[in-house]
Protein backbone atom coordinates (compact mmCIF):
# COMPACT_ATOMS: atom_id res chain seq x y z
CA UNK A 1 0.12 0.04 -0.05
CA UNK A 2 1.43 3.55 -0.74
CA UNK A 3 -1.25 5.45 0.88
CA UNK A 4 -2.16 5.02 4.92
CA UNK A 5 -6.10 3.99 5.46
CA UNK A 6 -7.83 7.21 6.35
CA UNK A 7 -8.67 7.67 10.17
CA UNK A 8 -11.97 7.14 11.49
CA UNK A 9 -13.37 10.98 12.46
CA UNK A 10 -13.08 9.84 16.19
CA UNK A 11 -9.40 9.04 15.67
CA UNK A 12 -8.42 12.35 14.59
CA UNK A 13 -5.97 13.73 16.91
CA UNK A 14 -7.69 17.18 18.70
CA UNK A 15 -6.34 20.57 18.45
CA UNK A 16 -5.58 22.18 21.41
CA UNK A 17 -5.09 25.41 20.61
CA UNK A 18 -6.74 29.12 20.58
CA UNK A 19 -6.97 31.59 17.97
CA UNK A 20 -7.83 35.09 18.09
CA UNK A 21 -9.47 37.78 15.83
CA UNK A 22 -7.28 38.78 13.08
CA UNK A 23 -9.51 41.28 11.19
CA UNK A 24 -12.56 43.47 11.39
CA UNK A 25 -15.79 42.11 9.85
CA UNK A 26 -18.62 44.15 11.26
CA UNK A 27 -17.66 46.75 13.63
CA UNK A 28 -19.78 50.02 12.87
CA UNK A 29 -19.80 52.47 15.31
CA UNK A 30 -17.55 50.53 17.80
CA UNK A 31 -14.38 51.87 18.93
CA UNK A 32 -11.01 50.94 20.59
CA UNK A 33 -9.87 51.62 23.88
CA UNK A 34 -7.90 54.40 22.12
CA UNK A 35 -10.52 55.86 19.83
CA UNK A 36 -9.53 53.98 16.95
CA UNK A 37 -12.37 53.23 14.39
CA UNK A 38 -10.16 50.54 12.32
CA UNK A 39 -8.46 47.32 13.07
CA UNK A 40 -10.42 46.78 16.29
CA UNK A 41 -9.30 43.05 16.22
CA UNK A 42 -5.56 44.24 17.46
CA UNK A 43 -7.66 45.19 21.13
CA UNK A 44 -9.42 41.83 21.47
CA UNK A 45 -6.58 39.55 20.52
CA UNK A 46 -4.76 38.66 23.38
CA UNK A 47 -5.55 37.70 27.19
CA UNK A 48 -5.07 40.99 28.42
CA UNK A 49 -7.94 43.38 30.06
CA UNK A 50 -5.84 46.34 29.32
CA UNK A 51 -7.27 47.02 25.81
CA UNK A 52 -10.83 46.41 24.46
CA UNK A 53 -13.33 47.74 21.85
CA UNK A 54 -16.50 49.51 23.33
CA UNK A 55 -19.89 50.69 22.15
CA UNK A 56 -21.26 53.39 23.80
CA UNK A 57 -25.15 53.93 23.50
CA UNK A 58 -26.18 57.52 22.51
CA UNK A 59 -28.83 56.20 20.30
CA UNK A 60 -26.50 53.19 19.10
CA UNK A 61 -28.80 50.76 21.09
CA UNK A 62 -32.24 52.29 21.70
CA UNK A 63 -35.29 50.72 23.54
CA UNK A 64 -35.09 47.17 22.82
CA UNK A 65 -32.56 47.44 20.07
CA UNK A 66 -29.71 45.29 19.23
CA UNK A 67 -25.92 45.62 17.86
CA UNK A 68 -23.39 43.63 16.11
CA UNK A 69 -19.89 43.02 16.37
CA UNK A 70 -18.01 40.52 14.34
CA UNK A 71 -14.35 39.50 13.72
CA UNK A 72 -12.79 37.24 11.16
CA UNK A 73 -10.34 34.75 13.06
CA UNK A 74 -6.91 33.29 12.49
CA UNK A 75 -6.71 30.03 10.93
CA UNK A 76 -6.09 27.06 13.25
CA UNK A 77 -3.13 24.50 12.53
CA UNK A 78 -5.83 22.14 11.21
CA UNK A 79 -9.23 20.85 11.07
CA UNK A 80 -10.62 19.81 14.54
CA UNK A 81 -11.75 16.59 15.40
CA UNK A 82 -15.93 16.74 15.51
CA UNK A 83 -15.80 14.93 18.75
CA UNK A 84 -13.83 17.45 20.60
CA UNK A 85 -14.49 20.55 22.52
CA UNK A 86 -14.48 24.07 20.54
CA UNK A 87 -15.69 27.23 22.58
CA UNK A 88 -16.22 30.41 21.23
CA UNK A 89 -15.12 32.75 24.20
CA UNK A 90 -15.76 36.58 24.61
CA UNK A 91 -14.77 38.61 27.56
CA UNK A 92 -17.09 41.65 28.03
CA UNK A 93 -19.11 43.86 30.34
CA UNK A 94 -21.58 46.30 30.29
CA UNK A 95 -21.68 49.80 32.30
CA UNK A 96 -24.97 51.18 33.38
CA UNK A 97 -24.64 54.69 32.67
CA UNK A 98 -28.18 55.71 34.14
CA UNK A 99 -30.11 53.55 31.40
CA UNK A 100 -31.62 51.02 33.68
CA UNK A 101 -32.02 48.47 31.23
CA UNK A 102 -34.13 45.43 32.28
CA UNK A 103 -31.48 43.02 30.70
CA UNK A 104 -28.29 43.06 28.59
CA UNK A 105 -27.88 40.17 26.61
CA UNK A 106 -25.47 38.50 24.13
CA UNK A 107 -25.58 35.99 21.22
CA UNK A 108 -22.29 34.51 20.30
CA UNK A 109 -22.31 33.02 16.88
CA UNK A 110 -20.11 31.30 14.41
CA UNK A 111 -20.45 32.13 10.51
CA UNK A 112 -18.18 31.19 7.80
CA UNK A 113 -17.90 33.39 4.87
CA UNK A 114 -20.49 35.85 6.03
CA UNK A 115 -23.32 33.24 6.79
CA UNK A 116 -24.04 31.79 10.02
CA UNK A 117 -23.22 28.06 10.65
CA UNK A 118 -25.89 25.82 11.16
CA UNK A 119 -25.81 24.94 14.74
CA UNK A 120 -22.77 27.63 15.62
CA UNK A 121 -24.05 28.98 18.90
CA UNK A 122 -27.00 31.17 19.15
CA UNK A 123 -27.68 30.81 22.90
CA UNK A 124 -28.48 33.70 24.76
CA UNK A 125 -26.18 34.69 27.84
CA UNK A 126 -27.05 37.31 30.33
CA UNK A 127 -24.21 39.58 30.26
CA UNK A 128 -23.30 41.78 33.75
CA UNK A 129 -21.40 44.77 34.80
CA UNK A 130 -18.71 42.30 35.70
CA UNK A 131 -16.01 41.69 33.46
CA UNK A 132 -16.85 37.99 32.74
CA UNK A 133 -15.69 35.17 30.27
CA UNK A 134 -18.55 33.62 28.34
CA UNK A 135 -18.50 30.27 26.37
CA UNK A 136 -20.50 28.95 23.58
CA UNK A 137 -19.42 25.47 22.94
CA UNK A 138 -19.86 24.19 19.36
CA UNK A 139 -22.20 21.30 18.56
CA UNK A 140 -20.69 18.28 16.42
CA UNK A 141 -22.85 19.49 13.83
CA UNK A 142 -21.73 23.10 13.85
CA UNK A 143 -17.80 21.62 13.89
CA UNK A 144 -18.87 19.41 10.93
CA UNK A 145 -20.62 22.09 9.08
CA UNK A 146 -17.51 23.97 8.71
CA UNK A 147 -15.98 23.70 5.12
CA UNK A 148 -12.97 26.09 5.48
CA UNK A 149 -11.87 26.89 9.38
CA UNK A 150 -9.75 29.79 7.47
CA UNK A 151 -12.97 31.49 6.84
CA UNK A 152 -14.62 31.59 10.19
CA UNK A 153 -15.72 34.59 12.10
CA UNK A 154 -17.44 35.38 15.53
CA UNK A 155 -20.27 37.37 15.78
CA UNK A 156 -21.77 39.00 18.88
CA UNK A 157 -24.99 40.49 18.70
CA UNK A 158 -25.85 42.35 21.91
CA UNK A 159 -29.38 43.57 23.07
CA UNK A 160 -30.50 45.87 25.57
CA UNK A 161 -34.11 45.51 26.78
CA UNK A 162 -35.83 48.17 28.33
CA UNK A 163 -33.48 51.05 27.88
CA UNK A 164 -34.32 54.36 28.89
CA UNK A 165 -34.57 56.76 25.80
CA UNK A 166 -32.17 59.01 27.28
CA UNK A 167 -29.91 56.85 29.16
CA UNK A 168 -26.43 55.17 27.91
CA UNK A 169 -24.97 52.06 28.16
CA UNK A 170 -21.11 51.32 27.44
CA UNK A 171 -20.48 47.85 26.25
CA UNK A 172 -16.73 46.79 26.54
CA UNK A 173 -15.42 43.67 24.69
CA UNK A 174 -11.86 42.44 25.98
CA UNK A 175 -11.22 39.47 23.87
CA UNK A 176 -12.81 37.30 21.14
CA UNK A 177 -11.56 33.76 20.84
CA UNK A 178 -12.09 30.21 19.73
CA UNK A 179 -10.61 27.72 22.05
CA UNK A 180 -9.90 23.89 20.72
CA UNK A 181 -9.43 21.64 23.59
């Protein structure tokens, strides 16, 4: 035989690495901690709370409104084993500057080439005023539905419910990663 027998999917060696945001995809009305309006990925691609991107409402999120933030992700060293853990991880918080929201939520989704991956996230996370790491574990279906891991994006959809029209909320995102373990 000149070629090895292909491995069964459960015999593919799992990846053990973290990939970070490496390009802005959807970032309108977001700013970096230094005020930059572009290359925001540079502020969320390390395990450090010293830099971040932020959104301050001032009619950006109005009553029961939403706002997206999406980043292209670096290419992993290989394809993950469909049976391993693959988590979208986002560290975020919000500041309630007299807006009095009844809730602040975030949905994390995996996208490929601008389209949401079937089974790639979507659970609603209640975010708080404390900096917290939020994880969304991808299903085996989602992992199998990605045809090219070099083209994936992480999308965050923030929703403020019950915001006073004259109030302001500031959302900070400190890091965006996909963790293969």
